[in-house]
C-alpha atoms as a PDB file:
ATOM      1  CA  UNK A   1       0.401 -15.304 -17.823  1.00  0.00           C
ATOM      2  CA  UNK A   2       0.476 -11.790 -18.500  1.00  0.00           C
ATOM      3  CA  UNK A   3      -0.120  -8.940 -15.951  1.00  0.00           C
ATOM      4  CA  UNK A   4      -0.612  -5.169 -16.381  1.00  0.00           C
ATOM      5  CA  UNK A   5       0.622  -3.088 -13.385  1.00  0.00           C
ATOM      6  CA  UNK A   6       0.341   0.409 -12.655  1.00  0.00           C
ATOM      7  CA  UNK A   7       2.838   2.005 -10.369  1.00  0.00           C
ATOM      8  CA  UNK A   8       5.227  -0.486 -11.347  1.00  0.00           C
ATOM      9  CA  UNK A   9       8.415   1.700 -10.457  1.00  0.00           C
ATOM     10  CA  UNK A  10       7.340   2.765  -6.841  1.00  0.00           C
ATOM     11  CA  UNK A  11       8.301   0.949  -3.585  1.00  0.00           C
ATOM     12  CA  UNK A  12       6.067  -1.988  -3.749  1.00  0.00           C
ATOM     13  CA  UNK A  13       5.731  -2.141  -7.654  1.00  0.00           C
ATOM     14  CA  UNK A  14       9.459  -2.272  -8.064  1.00  0.00           C
ATOM     15  CA  UNK A  15       9.583  -5.385  -5.773  1.00  0.00           C
ATOM     16  CA  UNK A  16       6.500  -6.838  -7.230  1.00  0.00           C
ATOM     17  CA  UNK A  17       7.700  -6.648 -10.584  1.00  0.00           C
ATOM     18  CA  UNK A  18      11.168  -8.488  -9.835  1.00  0.00           C
ATOM     19  CA  UNK A  19       9.201 -11.265  -7.955  1.00  0.00           C
ATOM     20  CA  UNK A  20       6.759 -11.682 -10.829  1.00  0.00           C
ATOM     21  CA  UNK A  21       9.545 -11.690 -13.533  1.00  0.00           C
ATOM     22  CA  UNK A  22      11.559 -14.367 -11.466  1.00  0.00           C
ATOM     23  CA  UNK A  23       8.095 -16.592 -11.771  1.00  0.00           C
ATOM     24  CA  UNK A  24       8.085 -16.243 -15.424  1.00  0.00           C
ATOM     25  CA  UNK A  25       5.349 -13.870 -15.730  1.00  0.00           C
ATOM     26  CA  UNK A  26       5.117 -11.398 -18.520  1.00  0.00           C
ATOM     27  CA  UNK A  27       4.829  -7.666 -17.300  1.00  0.00           C
ATOM     28  CA  UNK A  28       2.946  -4.877 -19.205  1.00  0.00           C
ATOM     29  CA  UNK A  29       3.323  -1.454 -17.262  1.00  0.00           C
ATOM     30  CA  UNK A  30       1.672   1.974 -17.397  1.00  0.00           C
ATOM     31  CA  UNK A  31       3.774   5.102 -17.188  1.00  0.00           C
ATOM     32  CA  UNK A  32       3.177   8.755 -17.420  1.00  0.00           C
ATOM     33  CA  UNK A  33       6.784   9.487 -18.593  1.00  0.00           C
ATOM     34  CA  UNK A  34       7.507   8.310 -22.310  1.00  0.00           C
ATOM     35  CA  UNK A  35      11.292   8.071 -21.326  1.00  0.00           C
ATOM     36  CA  UNK A  36      10.571   5.206 -18.931  1.00  0.00           C
ATOM     37  CA  UNK A  37       9.015   3.108 -21.818  1.00  0.00           C
ATOM     38  CA  UNK A  38      11.002  -0.120 -22.090  1.00  0.00           C
ATOM     39  CA  UNK A  39      10.304  -2.871 -24.760  1.00  0.00           C
ATOM     40  CA  UNK A  40      11.826  -5.870 -23.291  1.00  0.00           C
ATOM     41  CA  UNK A  41      10.675  -9.442 -23.796  1.00  0.00           C
ATOM     42  CA  UNK A  42       8.755  -9.936 -20.645  1.00  0.00           C
ATOM     43  CA  UNK A  43       8.818  -6.393 -19.636  1.00  0.00           C
ATOM     44  CA  UNK A  44       7.007  -3.709 -21.799  1.00  0.00           C
ATOM     45  CA  UNK A  45       5.975  -0.211 -20.853  1.00  0.00           C
ATOM     46  CA  UNK A  46       2.844   1.850 -22.306  1.00  0.00           C
ATOM     47  CA  UNK A  47       2.012   5.358 -21.889  1.00  0.00           C
ATOM     48  CA  UNK A  48      -0.874   6.871 -20.103  1.00  0.00           C
ATOM     49  CA  UNK A  49      -1.912  10.332 -19.010  1.00  0.00           C
ATOM     50  CA  UNK A  50      -4.948   9.844 -16.290  1.00  0.00           C
ATOM     51  CA  UNK A  51      -5.464  13.538 -16.188  1.00  0.00           C
ATOM     52  CA  UNK A  52      -6.060  13.903 -19.753  1.00  0.00           C
ATOM     53  CA  UNK A  53      -7.868  10.505 -20.087  1.00  0.00           C
ATOM     54  CA  UNK A  54      -5.250   9.184 -22.342  1.00  0.00           C
ATOM     55  CA  UNK A  55      -4.029   5.409 -22.484  1.00  0.00           C
ATOM     56  CA  UNK A  56      -2.371   3.258 -25.096  1.00  0.00           C
ATOM     57  CA  UNK A  57      -4.884   0.461 -25.667  1.00  0.00           C
ATOM     58  CA  UNK A  58      -2.225  -1.838 -26.415  1.00  0.00           C
ATOM     59  CA  UNK A  59      -1.448  -1.934 -22.913  1.00  0.00           C
ATOM     60  CA  UNK A  60      -4.394  -4.490 -22.333  1.00  0.00           C
ATOM     61  CA  UNK A  61      -3.530  -6.827 -25.178  1.00  0.00           C
ATOM     62  CA  UNK A  62      -3.253 -10.259 -23.825  1.00  0.00           C
ATOM     63  CA  UNK A  63      -3.396  -9.401 -20.000  1.00  0.00           C
ATOM     64  CA  UNK A  64      -5.191 -11.642 -17.625  1.00  0.00           C
ATOM     65  CA  UNK A  65      -4.703  -9.585 -14.442  1.00  0.00           C
ATOM     66  CA  UNK A  66      -4.246  -5.999 -13.682  1.00  0.00           C
ATOM     67  CA  UNK A  67      -2.511  -4.960 -10.293  1.00  0.00           C
ATOM     68  CA  UNK A  68      -3.161  -1.487  -9.596  1.00  0.00           C
ATOM     69  CA  UNK A  69      -0.456   0.356  -7.400  1.00  0.00           C
ATOM     70  CA  UNK A  70      -0.635   3.950  -8.764  1.00  0.00           C
ATOM     71  CA  UNK A  71      -1.289   6.602  -6.273  1.00  0.00           C
ATOM     72  CA  UNK A  72       0.449   9.532  -4.930  1.00  0.00           C
ATOM     73  CA  UNK A  73       2.167   9.524  -1.638  1.00  0.00           C
ATOM     74  CA  UNK A  74       0.104  10.308   1.317  1.00  0.00           C
ATOM     75  CA  UNK A  75       3.221  11.408   3.357  1.00  0.00           C
ATOM     76  CA  UNK A  76       2.941  15.093   1.960  1.00  0.00           C
ATOM     77  CA  UNK A  77       1.429  17.869   3.697  1.00  0.00           C
ATOM     78  CA  UNK A  78      -2.283  17.973   3.404  1.00  0.00           C
ATOM     79  CA  UNK A  79      -2.981  21.169   1.565  1.00  0.00           C
ATOM     80  CA  UNK A  80      -6.119  21.464  -0.645  1.00  0.00           C
ATOM     81  CA  UNK A  81      -4.019  21.052  -3.781  1.00  0.00           C
ATOM     82  CA  UNK A  82      -2.209  17.912  -2.593  1.00  0.00           C
ATOM     83  CA  UNK A  83      -5.554  16.295  -1.169  1.00  0.00           C
ATOM     84  CA  UNK A  84      -6.944  16.688  -4.455  1.00  0.00           C
ATOM     85  CA  UNK A  85      -3.961  14.926  -6.038  1.00  0.00           C
ATOM     86  CA  UNK A  86      -4.021  12.051  -3.546  1.00  0.00           C
ATOM     87  CA  UNK A  87      -7.605  11.319  -4.177  1.00  0.00           C
ATOM     88  CA  UNK A  88      -7.447  12.133  -8.135  1.00  0.00           C
ATOM     89  CA  UNK A  89      -4.196   9.795  -8.640  1.00  0.00           C
ATOM     90  CA  UNK A  90      -6.244   6.833  -7.241  1.00  0.00           C
ATOM     91  CA  UNK A  91      -9.695   7.402  -8.749  1.00  0.00           C
ATOM     92  CA  UNK A  92      -8.648   9.040 -12.039  1.00  0.00           C
ATOM     93  CA  UNK A  93      -6.205   6.133 -12.920  1.00  0.00           C
ATOM     94  CA  UNK A  94      -9.048   3.570 -11.873  1.00  0.00           C
ATOM     95  CA  UNK A  95     -11.817   5.067 -13.867  1.00  0.00           C
ATOM     96  CA  UNK A  96      -9.542   5.250 -16.793  1.00  0.00           C
ATOM     97  CA  UNK A  97      -8.692   1.534 -16.675  1.00  0.00           C
ATOM     98  CA  UNK A  98     -12.464   0.898 -16.281  1.00  0.00           C
ATOM     99  CA  UNK A  99     -13.233   2.787 -19.286  1.00  0.00           C
ATOM    100  CA  UNK A 100     -10.587   1.188 -21.620  1.00  0.00           C
ATOM    101  CA  UNK A 101     -11.657  -2.251 -20.471  1.00  0.00           C
ATOM    102  CA  UNK A 102     -15.440  -1.462 -21.160  1.00  0.00           C
ATOM    103  CA  UNK A 103     -14.768  -0.115 -24.621  1.00  0.00           C
ATOM    104  CA  UNK A 104     -12.258  -2.361 -25.904  1.00  0.00           C
ATOM    105  CA  UNK A 105     -12.109  -6.486 -26.269  1.00  0.00           C
ATOM    106  CA  UNK A 106     -10.049  -7.828 -23.444  1.00  0.00           C
ATOM    107  CA  UNK A 107      -8.987 -11.077 -21.543  1.00  0.00           C
ATOM    108  CA  UNK A 108      -8.874  -9.516 -18.299  1.00  0.00           C
ATOM    109  CA  UNK A 109     -10.494 -11.793 -15.534  1.00  0.00           C
ATOM    110  CA  UNK A 110      -8.994 -10.310 -12.271  1.00  0.00           C
ATOM    111  CA  UNK A 111      -8.264  -6.991 -10.677  1.00  0.00           C
ATOM    112  CA  UNK A 112      -6.305  -6.612  -7.602  1.00  0.00           C
ATOM    113  CA  UNK A 113      -5.903  -3.163  -6.186  1.00  0.00           C
ATOM    114  CA  UNK A 114      -3.982  -1.510  -3.386  1.00  0.00           C
ATOM    115  CA  UNK A 115      -5.927  -0.158  -0.608  1.00  0.00           C
ATOM    116  CA  UNK A 116      -5.322   0.842   2.914  1.00  0.00           C
ATOM    117  CA  UNK A 117      -5.950   0.032   6.526  1.00  0.00           C
ATOM    118  CA  UNK A 118      -6.552   3.934   7.172  1.00  0.00           C
ATOM    119  CA  UNK A 119     -10.275   3.101   6.278  1.00  0.00           C
ATOM    120  CA  UNK A 120     -10.559   1.673   9.688  1.00  0.00           C
ATOM    121  CA  UNK A 121     -11.586   4.219  12.458  1.00  0.00           C
ATOM    122  CA  UNK A 122      -8.839   5.393  15.034  1.00  0.00           C
ATOM    123  CA  UNK A 123      -9.097   3.061  18.127  1.00  0.00           C
ATOM    124  CA  UNK A 124      -6.952   1.734  20.828  1.00  0.00           C
ATOM    125  CA  UNK A 125      -9.403  -1.162  21.606  1.00  0.00           C
ATOM    126  CA  UNK A 126     -10.971  -2.083  18.308  1.00  0.00           C
ATOM    127  CA  UNK A 127      -9.704  -5.319  16.438  1.00  0.00           C
ATOM    128  CA  UNK A 128     -10.429  -4.943  12.620  1.00  0.00           C
ATOM    129  CA  UNK A 129     -11.228  -7.820  10.284  1.00  0.00           C
ATOM    130  CA  UNK A 130     -12.152  -7.321   6.827  1.00  0.00           C
ATOM    131  CA  UNK A 131     -15.941  -7.630   7.897  1.00  0.00           C
ATOM    132  CA  UNK A 132     -15.958  -4.310   9.492  1.00  0.00           C
ATOM    133  CA  UNK A 133     -17.971  -1.718   7.909  1.00  0.00           C
ATOM    134  CA  UNK A 134     -16.793   1.136   9.924  1.00  0.00           C
ATOM    135  CA  UNK A 135     -15.220   4.224   8.213  1.00  0.00           C
ATOM    136  CA  UNK A 136     -12.572   6.632   9.812  1.00  0.00           C
ATOM    137  CA  UNK A 137     -13.744  10.153   9.562  1.00  0.00           C
ATOM    138  CA  UNK A 138     -10.379  11.461   8.638  1.00  0.00           C
ATOM    139  CA  UNK A 139      -9.173  12.600   5.109  1.00  0.00           C
ATOM    140  CA  UNK A 140      -7.387   9.248   4.803  1.00  0.00           C
ATOM    141  CA  UNK A 141     -10.700   7.384   5.408  1.00  0.00           C
ATOM    142  CA  UNK A 142     -12.445   9.356   2.887  1.00  0.00           C
ATOM    143  CA  UNK A 143      -9.739   8.519   0.340  1.00  0.00           C
ATOM    144  CA  UNK A 144     -10.037   4.876   0.907  1.00  0.00           C
ATOM    145  CA  UNK A 145     -13.694   4.923   0.421  1.00  0.00           C
ATOM    146  CA  UNK A 146     -13.661   6.745  -2.741  1.00  0.00           C
ATOM    147  CA  UNK A 147     -10.711   4.530  -4.104  1.00  0.00           C
ATOM    148  CA  UNK A 148     -12.567   1.250  -3.171  1.00  0.00           C
ATOM    149  CA  UNK A 149     -15.592   2.370  -4.685  1.00  0.00           C
ATOM    150  CA  UNK A 150     -13.947   3.203  -8.002  1.00  0.00           C
ATOM    151  CA  UNK A 151     -12.199  -0.193  -7.984  1.00  0.00           C
ATOM    152  CA  UNK A 152     -15.582  -2.107  -7.185  1.00  0.00           C
ATOM    153  CA  UNK A 153     -16.930  -0.823 -10.661  1.00  0.00           C
ATOM    154  CA  UNK A 154     -14.829  -3.604 -12.559  1.00  0.00           C
ATOM    155  CA  UNK A 155     -17.353  -6.130 -10.970  1.00  0.00           C
ATOM    156  CA  UNK A 156     -19.809  -4.754 -13.690  1.00  0.00           C
ATOM    157  CA  UNK A 157     -17.515  -6.275 -16.284  1.00  0.00           C
ATOM    158  CA  UNK A 158     -17.640  -9.610 -14.539  1.00  0.00           C
ATOM    159  CA  UNK A 159     -14.082  -9.065 -13.537  1.00  0.00           C
ATOM    160  CA  UNK A 160     -13.202 -10.533 -10.065  1.00  0.00           C
ATOM    161  CA  UNK A 161     -12.049  -7.740  -7.862  1.00  0.00           C
ATOM    162  CA  UNK A 162      -9.763  -7.860  -4.805  1.00  0.00           C
ATOM    163  CA  UNK A 163      -8.586  -5.131  -2.692  1.00  0.00           C
ATOM    164  CA  UNK A 164      -5.293  -5.479  -0.434  1.00  0.00           C
ATOM    165  CA  UNK A 165      -5.799  -3.246   2.506  1.00  0.00           C
ATOM    166  CA  UNK A 166      -2.018  -2.557   3.340  1.00  0.00           C
ATOM    167  CA  UNK A 167      -0.600  -1.460   6.695  1.00  0.00           C
ATOM    168  CA  UNK A 168       2.566   0.293   7.360  1.00  0.00           C
ATOM    169  CA  UNK A 169       5.358  -1.114   4.916  1.00  0.00           C
ATOM    170  CA  UNK A 170       8.621  -1.859   6.259  1.00  0.00           C
ATOM    171  CA  UNK A 171      11.449  -1.579   3.595  1.00  0.00           C
ATOM    172  CA  UNK A 172      15.008  -0.403   3.839  1.00  0.00           C
ATOM    173  CA  UNK A 173      14.356   1.304   0.551  1.00  0.00           C
ATOM    174  CA  UNK A 174      11.854   3.941   1.536  1.00  0.00           C
ATOM    175  CA  UNK A 175       8.309   4.564   2.782  1.00  0.00           C
ATOM    176  CA  UNK A 176       7.383   4.514   6.593  1.00  0.00           C
ATOM    177  CA  UNK A 177      10.454   2.942   7.809  1.00  0.00           C
ATOM    178  CA  UNK A 178      12.844   5.320   6.313  1.00  0.00           C
ATOM    179  CA  UNK A 179      11.195   8.370   7.751  1.00  0.00           C
ATOM    180  CA  UNK A 180      10.968   6.570  11.307  1.00  0.00           C
ATOM    181  CA  UNK A 181      14.851   6.106  11.191  1.00  0.00           C
ATOM    182  CA  UNK A 182      15.745   9.669  10.545  1.00  0.00           C
ATOM    183  CA  UNK A 183      15.383  10.941  14.185  1.00  0.00           C
ATOM    184  CA  UNK A 184      16.722   7.517  15.506  1.00  0.00           C
ATOM    185  CA  UNK A 185      19.888   7.558  13.352  1.00  0.00           C
ATOM    186  CA  UNK A 186      20.937  11.119  14.880  1.00  0.00           C
ATOM    187  CA  UNK A 187      19.901   9.945  18.469  1.00  0.00           C
ATOM    188  CA  UNK A 188      16.627  11.641  18.895  1.00  0.00           C
ATOM    189  CA  UNK A 189      14.279   8.428  18.748  1.00  0.00           C
ATOM    190  CA  UNK A 190      11.210   8.759  20.681  1.00  0.00           C
ATOM    191  CA  UNK A 191       7.346   7.670  20.302  1.00  0.00           C
ATOM    192  CA  UNK A 192       4.812   9.773  18.868  1.00  0.00           C
ATOM    193  CA  UNK A 193       1.794  11.065  20.883  1.00  0.00           C
ATOM    194  CA  UNK A 194       0.501   8.450  23.522  1.00  0.00           C
ATOM    195  CA  UNK A 195       3.013   5.807  21.871  1.00  0.00           C
ATOM    196  CA  UNK A 196      -0.041   3.495  22.656  1.00  0.00           C
ATOM    197  CA  UNK A 197      -1.410   3.573  19.098  1.00  0.00           C
ATOM    198  CA  UNK A 198      -1.306   0.317  17.272  1.00  0.00           C
ATOM    199  CA  UNK A 199       0.835   0.152  14.193  1.00  0.00           C
ATOM    200  CA  UNK A 200      -0.146  -2.759  12.051  1.00  0.00           C
ATOM    201  CA  UNK A 201       2.772  -3.233   9.723  1.00  0.00           C
ATOM    202  CA  UNK A 202       3.954  -5.537   7.038  1.00  0.00           C
ATOM    203  CA  UNK A 203       7.491  -6.475   5.857  1.00  0.00           C
ATOM    204  CA  UNK A 204       7.968  -5.429   1.976  1.00  0.00           C
ATOM    205  CA  UNK A 205       8.918  -9.205   1.225  1.00  0.00           C
ATOM    206  CA  UNK A 206       5.579 -10.575   2.766  1.00  0.00           C
ATOM    207  CA  UNK A 207       3.594  -7.842   0.885  1.00  0.00           C
ATOM    208  CA  UNK A 208       4.733  -8.518  -2.638  1.00  0.00           C
ATOM    209  CA  UNK A 209       4.284 -12.164  -1.976  1.00  0.00           C
ATOM    210  CA  UNK A 210       0.803 -11.903  -0.646  1.00  0.00           C
ATOM    211  CA  UNK A 211       0.181  -9.962  -4.002  1.00  0.00           C
ATOM    212  CA  UNK A 212       1.683 -12.923  -5.794  1.00  0.00           C
ATOM    213  CA  UNK A 213      -0.462 -15.341  -4.021  1.00  0.00           C
ATOM    214  CA  UNK A 214      -3.603 -13.319  -4.345  1.00  0.00           C
ATOM    215  CA  UNK A 215      -2.893 -13.297  -8.054  1.00  0.00           C
ATOM    216  CA  UNK A 216      -2.276 -17.070  -8.401  1.00  0.00           C
ATOM    217  CA  UNK A 217      -5.244 -17.973  -6.306  1.00  0.00           C
ATOM    218  CA  UNK A 218      -7.620 -15.365  -7.965  1.00  0.00           C
ATOM    219  CA  UNK A 219      -8.579 -13.873  -4.577  1.00  0.00           C
ATOM    220  CA  UNK A 220     -11.840 -11.721  -4.377  1.00  0.00           C
ATOM    221  CA  UNK A 221     -13.136  -9.454  -1.912  1.00  0.00           C
ATOM    222  CA  UNK A 222     -10.852  -7.459   0.829  1.00  0.00           C
ATOM    223  CA  UNK A 223      -7.710  -8.767   2.315  1.00  0.00           C
ATOM    224  CA  UNK A 224      -5.814  -6.995   4.948  1.00  0.00           C
ATOM    225  CA  UNK A 225      -1.963  -7.052   4.440  1.00  0.00           C
ATOM    226  CA  UNK A 226      -0.663  -6.793   7.859  1.00  0.00           C
ATOM    227  CA  UNK A 227       1.951  -9.192   9.907  1.00  0.00           C
ATOM    228  CA  UNK A 228       0.114 -11.434  12.448  1.00  0.00           C
ATOM    229  CA  UNK A 229       1.620  -9.347  15.499  1.00  0.00           C
ATOM    230  CA  UNK A 230       1.056  -5.783  15.368  1.00  0.00           C
ATOM    231  CA  UNK A 231       2.834  -3.481  18.005  1.00  0.00           C
ATOM    232  CA  UNK A 232       2.242  -0.191  19.620  1.00  0.00           C
ATOM    233  CA  UNK A 233       4.211   2.783  18.481  1.00  0.00           C
ATOM    234  CA  UNK A 234       6.438   2.900  21.763  1.00  0.00           C
ATOM    235  CA  UNK A 235       7.524  -0.654  20.959  1.00  0.00           C
ATOM    236  CA  UNK A 236       8.098  -0.058  17.222  1.00  0.00           C
ATOM    237  CA  UNK A 237      10.470   3.089  17.863  1.00  0.00           C
ATOM    238  CA  UNK A 238      12.092   1.450  20.695  1.00  0.00           C
ATOM    239  CA  UNK A 239      12.977  -1.791  18.919  1.00  0.00           C
ATOM    240  CA  UNK A 240      14.085  -0.036  15.852  1.00  0.00           C
ATOM    241  CA  UNK A 241      16.259   2.037  18.161  1.00  0.00           C
ATOM    242  CA  UNK A 242      17.744  -0.832  19.756  1.00  0.00           C
ATOM    243  CA  UNK A 243      18.617  -2.748  16.458  1.00  0.00           C
ATOM    244  CA  UNK A 244      20.370   0.575  15.365  1.00  0.00           C
ATOM    245  CA  UNK A 245      22.081   0.632  18.944  1.00  0.00           C
ATOM    246  CA  UNK A 246      20.743   4.436  19.259  1.00  0.00           C
ATOM    247  CA  UNK A 247      19.143   5.850  22.317  1.00  0.00           C
ATOM    248  CA  UNK A 248      15.591   5.653  23.064  1.00  0.00           C
ATOM    249  CA  UNK A 249      14.126   8.974  24.482  1.00  0.00           C
ATOM    250  CA  UNK A 250      11.430   9.603  27.160  1.00  0.00           C
ATOM    251  CA  UNK A 251       9.120  11.662  27.045  1.00  0.00           C
ATOM    252  CA  UNK A 252       7.248  11.251  23.696  1.00  0.00           C
ATOM    253  CA  UNK A 253       6.880  13.840  21.008  1.00  0.00           C
ATOM    254  CA  UNK A 254       3.698  15.531  22.095  1.00  0.00           C
ATOM    255  CA  UNK A 255       0.768  15.436  19.672  1.00  0.00           C
ATOM    256  CA  UNK A 256       0.326  19.056  19.388  1.00  0.00           C
ATOM    257  CA  UNK A 257       3.975  19.494  18.272  1.00  0.00           C
ATOM    258  CA  UNK A 258       3.323  16.946  15.525  1.00  0.00           C
ATOM    259  CA  UNK A 259       0.200  18.854  14.397  1.00  0.00           C
ATOM    260  CA  UNK A 260       2.161  22.009  14.483  1.00  0.00           C
ATOM    261  CA  UNK A 261       5.172  20.496  12.452  1.00  0.00           C
ATOM    262  CA  UNK A 262       2.879  18.452   9.802  1.00  0.00           C
ATOM    263  CA  UNK A 263      -0.437  19.773   9.750  1.00  0.00           C
ATOM    264  CA  UNK A 264      -3.369  17.569   9.139  1.00  0.00           C
ATOM    265  CA  UNK A 265      -1.341  14.747   8.067  1.00  0.00           C
ATOM    266  CA  UNK A 266      -0.125  14.231  11.706  1.00  0.00           C
ATOM    267  CA  UNK A 267      -2.817  11.689  11.923  1.00  0.00           C
ATOM    268  CA  UNK A 268      -0.686   9.125  10.003  1.00  0.00           C
ATOM    269  CA  UNK A 269       1.861   8.945  13.222  1.00  0.00           C
ATOM    270  CA  UNK A 270      -0.881   8.937  15.981  1.00  0.00           C
ATOM    271  CA  UNK A 271      -3.691   7.017  14.506  1.00  0.00           C
ATOM    272  CA  UNK A 272      -4.254   3.466  15.802  1.00  0.00           C
ATOM    273  CA  UNK A 273      -5.558   0.229  13.819  1.00  0.00           C
ATOM    274  CA  UNK A 274      -5.208  -3.085  15.195  1.00  0.00           C
ATOM    275  CA  UNK A 275      -5.833  -5.152  12.239  1.00  0.00           C
ATOM    276  CA  UNK A 276      -6.218  -8.852  11.587  1.00  0.00           C
ATOM    277  CA  UNK A 277      -4.652 -10.757   8.761  1.00  0.00           C
ATOM    278  CA  UNK A 278      -6.445 -13.940   9.656  1.00  0.00           C
ATOM    279  CA  UNK A 279      -8.501 -14.090   6.520  1.00  0.00           C
ATOM    280  CA  UNK A 280      -5.139 -14.292   4.124  1.00  0.00           C
ATOM    281  CA  UNK A 281      -3.703 -17.054   6.389  1.00  0.00           C
ATOM    282  CA  UNK A 282      -6.999 -18.948   6.604  1.00  0.00           C
ATOM    283  CA  UNK A 283      -6.748 -18.855   2.637  1.00  0.00           C
ATOM    284  CA  UNK A 284      -3.381 -20.256   2.429  1.00  0.00           C
ATOM    285  CA  UNK A 285      -0.727 -17.463   2.834  1.00  0.00           C
ATOM    286  CA  UNK A 286       2.179 -17.886   4.908  1.00  0.00           C
ATOM    287  CA  UNK A 287       3.973 -14.880   6.366  1.00  0.00           C
ATOM    288  CA  UNK A 288       7.769 -15.270   6.615  1.00  0.00           C
ATOM    289  CA  UNK A 289       7.955 -12.032   9.141  1.00  0.00           C
ATOM    290  CA  UNK A 290       5.507 -12.560  11.610  1.00  0.00           C
ATOM    291  CA  UNK A 291       7.220 -10.653  14.309  1.00  0.00           C
ATOM    292  CA  UNK A 292       8.732  -7.149  14.358  1.00  0.00           C
ATOM    293  CA  UNK A 293      11.846  -8.355  15.749  1.00  0.00           C
ATOM    294  CA  UNK A 294      12.758 -10.694  12.855  1.00  0.00           C
ATOM    295  CA  UNK A 295      11.477  -7.947  10.422  1.00  0.00           C
ATOM    296  CA  UNK A 296      13.805  -5.343  11.879  1.00  0.00           C
ATOM    297  CA  UNK A 297      16.706  -7.728  12.248  1.00  0.00           C
ATOM    298  CA  UNK A 298      16.291  -8.487   8.335  1.00  0.00           C
ATOM    299  CA  UNK A 299      16.102  -4.984   7.207  1.00  0.00           C
ATOM    300  CA  UNK A 300      18.469  -3.158   9.544  1.00  0.00           C
ATOM    301  CA  UNK A 301      20.445  -6.116  11.292  1.00  0.00           C
END
């Protein structure tokens, strides 16, 4: 099997590439840096520039599946310029992949794309499955809608499409957990906003194995990538502090202060989505890290 990956050097991509290579899968990857192009037996890089609509057409030769992980980080201040980058890094890249497949002979039959649970409306009471059609009215909700609309175009090419709506990824190497640890490590850990907001998380190990499972079984449609036992923000911060043997403070960091410090992107810390991963489990995927305690012990213990 040969897989083309975008975002191969990111937090998720790095771990996924390692797992796929261990399983004997040949990797093609796209990079915007010509210096990052490697030409190894099972790991070969190809240049692309989505802003200019440039892509090395040899990247798709012999490829059966495309895994699309590329996208600018949402964890930067949401200025007008950054908002544009967040959207275009997802839509322009997706559209470029679509055009290359539409205009060139290929063997691609499966397109697996990252997505986000941020599409679901902020709610303390709702329980979201993949069948829910509601869309959050925030910027992040808009991003996911445009992203998934671009991904769905591949169906026109008779390619199976799978969208992995990912929760808060827990990894010791970066992402949300690394940011959460900063105040805790200096003894300033406390919950954000009300602290009651649901945090639907997933261990990086389970996430990349879920991608591998989706590839193996050619999943189609939307799948939520979140652990079976979400927690509220209060519990997340408190348990993380406990693992590190650091204090957990009350009161919480007030919402107005978060907004003052972070601008519009403060919503990432206070938004609440209680998300179900039952569909993935019903289709055969088994989570290794089902509880927050087990995940944090593995990552930080």
